[in-house]
Amino acid sequence: MSVRANRAYHLIVSRTRLRPAFLAGEERRDRVEVLSVEDGEVVLYWELPPRRAAKLLKALRADLVSLSAEDFIARWDGLDLGPDAIA
């Protein structure tokens, strides 16, 4: 039996300012980290402009609920987050 991703990983978001993404300037960078619950290590990390980080968070949260831990890492590990990666 496989473990759900939301049981194996924890999502952490760090913003440099408190403004919502739609009001933030492109100079701001938001950090998105996925931590392993088992050992507390960071397994995935991104630093993105606020609007792209918000889209990434939405996609990550949906996958954390719907995928197994193995499938989640297979999908997101090594993903190139170029300008058009997250629609």
C-alpha atoms as a PDB file:
ATOM      1  CA  MET A   1       0.000   0.000   0.000  1.00  0.00           C
ATOM      2  CA  SER A   2       1.409   3.394  -0.981  1.00  0.00           C
ATOM      3  CA  VAL A   3       1.385   6.481   1.211  1.00  0.00           C
ATOM      4  CA  ARG A   4      -0.409   9.603   0.024  1.00  0.00           C
ATOM      5  CA  ALA A   5       1.888  12.502  -0.809  1.00  0.00           C
ATOM      6  CA  ASN A   6       0.169  14.814   1.680  1.00  0.00           C
ATOM      7  CA  ARG A   7       1.147  12.370   4.473  1.00  0.00           C
ATOM      8  CA  ALA A   8       4.776  12.045   3.342  1.00  0.00           C
ATOM      9  CA  TYR A   9       5.528  15.691   2.452  1.00  0.00           C
ATOM     10  CA  HIS A  10       4.919  19.118   3.953  1.00  0.00           C
ATOM     11  CA  LEU A  11       4.677  22.313   1.899  1.00  0.00           C
ATOM     12  CA  ILE A  12       6.344  25.510   3.135  1.00  0.00           C
ATOM     13  CA  VAL A  13       5.992  28.910   1.476  1.00  0.00           C
ATOM     14  CA  SER A  14       8.152  31.922   2.359  1.00  0.00           C
ATOM     15  CA  ARG A  15       7.394  35.382   1.042  1.00  0.00           C
ATOM     16  CA  THR A  16       9.721  38.378   1.304  1.00  0.00           C
ATOM     17  CA  ARG A  17       6.737  40.741   1.681  1.00  0.00           C
ATOM     18  CA  LEU A  18       3.189  40.322   2.898  1.00  0.00           C
ATOM     19  CA  ARG A  19       1.386  41.588  -0.203  1.00  0.00           C
ATOM     20  CA  PRO A  20      -0.740  39.075  -2.104  1.00  0.00           C
ATOM     21  CA  ALA A  21       0.789  37.685  -5.298  1.00  0.00           C
ATOM     22  CA  PHE A  22      -1.492  39.688  -7.605  1.00  0.00           C
ATOM     23  CA  LEU A  23      -0.303  42.964  -6.004  1.00  0.00           C
ATOM     24  CA  ALA A  24       3.371  42.057  -5.679  1.00  0.00           C
ATOM     25  CA  GLY A  25       6.007  43.270  -8.086  1.00  0.00           C
ATOM     26  CA  GLU A  26       8.085  40.905 -10.191  1.00  0.00           C
ATOM     27  CA  GLU A  27      11.193  41.820  -8.170  1.00  0.00           C
ATOM     28  CA  ARG A  28       9.846  39.856  -5.184  1.00  0.00           C
ATOM     29  CA  ARG A  29      10.830  36.212  -4.918  1.00  0.00           C
ATOM     30  CA  ASP A  30       8.747  33.614  -3.090  1.00  0.00           C
ATOM     31  CA  ARG A  31      10.339  30.390  -1.891  1.00  0.00           C
ATOM     32  CA  VAL A  32       8.435  27.134  -2.147  1.00  0.00           C
ATOM     33  CA  GLU A  33       9.819  24.098  -0.340  1.00  0.00           C
ATOM     34  CA  VAL A  34       8.585  20.526  -0.089  1.00  0.00           C
ATOM     35  CA  LEU A  35       9.903  18.796   3.038  1.00  0.00           C
ATOM     36  CA  SER A  36       9.941  15.123   3.850  1.00  0.00           C
ATOM     37  CA  VAL A  37       7.908  14.484   7.008  1.00  0.00           C
ATOM     38  CA  GLU A  38      10.025  11.443   7.820  1.00  0.00           C
ATOM     39  CA  ASP A  39      13.425  13.150   8.081  1.00  0.00           C
ATOM     40  CA  GLY A  40      12.689  16.890   7.776  1.00  0.00           C
ATOM     41  CA  GLU A  41      14.890  17.273   4.692  1.00  0.00           C
ATOM     42  CA  VAL A  42      14.016  19.559   1.795  1.00  0.00           C
ATOM     43  CA  VAL A  43      13.281  17.374  -1.237  1.00  0.00           C
ATOM     44  CA  LEU A  44      12.069  20.071  -3.654  1.00  0.00           C
ATOM     45  CA  TYR A  45      12.838  23.804  -3.734  1.00  0.00           C
ATOM     46  CA  TRP A  46      11.872  26.705  -5.988  1.00  0.00           C
ATOM     47  CA  GLU A  47      12.417  30.464  -5.829  1.00  0.00           C
ATOM     48  CA  LEU A  48       9.986  32.223  -8.152  1.00  0.00           C
ATOM     49  CA  PRO A  49       8.219  35.509  -8.853  1.00  0.00           C
ATOM     50  CA  PRO A  50       4.980  35.737  -6.817  1.00  0.00           C
ATOM     51  CA  ARG A  51       2.461  35.041  -9.577  1.00  0.00           C
ATOM     52  CA  ARG A  52       4.325  31.951 -10.787  1.00  0.00           C
ATOM     53  CA  ALA A  53       4.789  30.778  -7.186  1.00  0.00           C
ATOM     54  CA  ALA A  54       1.030  31.086  -6.607  1.00  0.00           C
ATOM     55  CA  LYS A  55       0.317  28.924  -9.668  1.00  0.00           C
ATOM     56  CA  LEU A  56       2.930  26.407  -8.563  1.00  0.00           C
ATOM     57  CA  LEU A  57       1.384  26.213  -5.085  1.00  0.00           C
ATOM     58  CA  LYS A  58      -2.047  25.517  -6.522  1.00  0.00           C
ATOM     59  CA  ALA A  59      -0.675  22.674  -8.654  1.00  0.00           C
ATOM     60  CA  LEU A  60       1.444  21.251  -5.806  1.00  0.00           C
ATOM     61  CA  ARG A  61      -1.475  21.262  -3.374  1.00  0.00           C
ATOM     62  CA  ALA A  62      -3.703  19.445  -5.865  1.00  0.00           C
ATOM     63  CA  ASP A  63      -1.029  16.802  -6.477  1.00  0.00           C
ATOM     64  CA  LEU A  64      -0.271  16.368  -2.760  1.00  0.00           C
ATOM     65  CA  VAL A  65      -3.893  15.336  -2.230  1.00  0.00           C
ATOM     66  CA  SER A  66      -4.340  13.200  -5.334  1.00  0.00           C
ATOM     67  CA  LEU A  67      -1.009  11.372  -5.840  1.00  0.00           C
ATOM     68  CA  SER A  68       0.987   8.795  -3.934  1.00  0.00           C
ATOM     69  CA  ALA A  69       4.305   9.954  -2.466  1.00  0.00           C
ATOM     70  CA  GLU A  70       6.274   8.134  -5.171  1.00  0.00           C
ATOM     71  CA  ASP A  71       4.172   9.540  -8.007  1.00  0.00           C
ATOM     72  CA  PHE A  72       4.372  13.062  -6.559  1.00  0.00           C
ATOM     73  CA  ILE A  73       8.181  13.034  -6.503  1.00  0.00           C
ATOM     74  CA  ALA A  74       8.347  11.442  -9.947  1.00  0.00           C
ATOM     75  CA  ARG A  75       6.169  14.221 -11.334  1.00  0.00           C
ATOM     76  CA  TRP A  76       7.898  17.208  -9.689  1.00  0.00           C
ATOM     77  CA  ASP A  77      11.555  16.181  -9.239  1.00  0.00           C
ATOM     78  CA  GLY A  78      13.817  17.880 -11.756  1.00  0.00           C
ATOM     79  CA  LEU A  79      10.960  19.807 -13.341  1.00  0.00           C
ATOM     80  CA  ASP A  80      12.133  22.765 -15.399  1.00  0.00           C
ATOM     81  CA  LEU A  81      10.086  25.763 -14.318  1.00  0.00           C
ATOM     82  CA  GLY A  82      10.813  28.003 -17.263  1.00  0.00           C
ATOM     83  CA  PRO A  83       8.510  30.928 -18.088  1.00  0.00           C
ATOM     84  CA  ASP A  84       5.866  28.734 -19.722  1.00  0.00           C
ATOM     85  CA  ALA A  85       6.094  25.670 -17.453  1.00  0.00           C
ATOM     86  CA  ILE A  86       3.035  26.388 -15.318  1.00  0.00           C
ATOM     87  CA  ALA A  87       0.006  27.643 -17.175  1.00  0.00           C
END
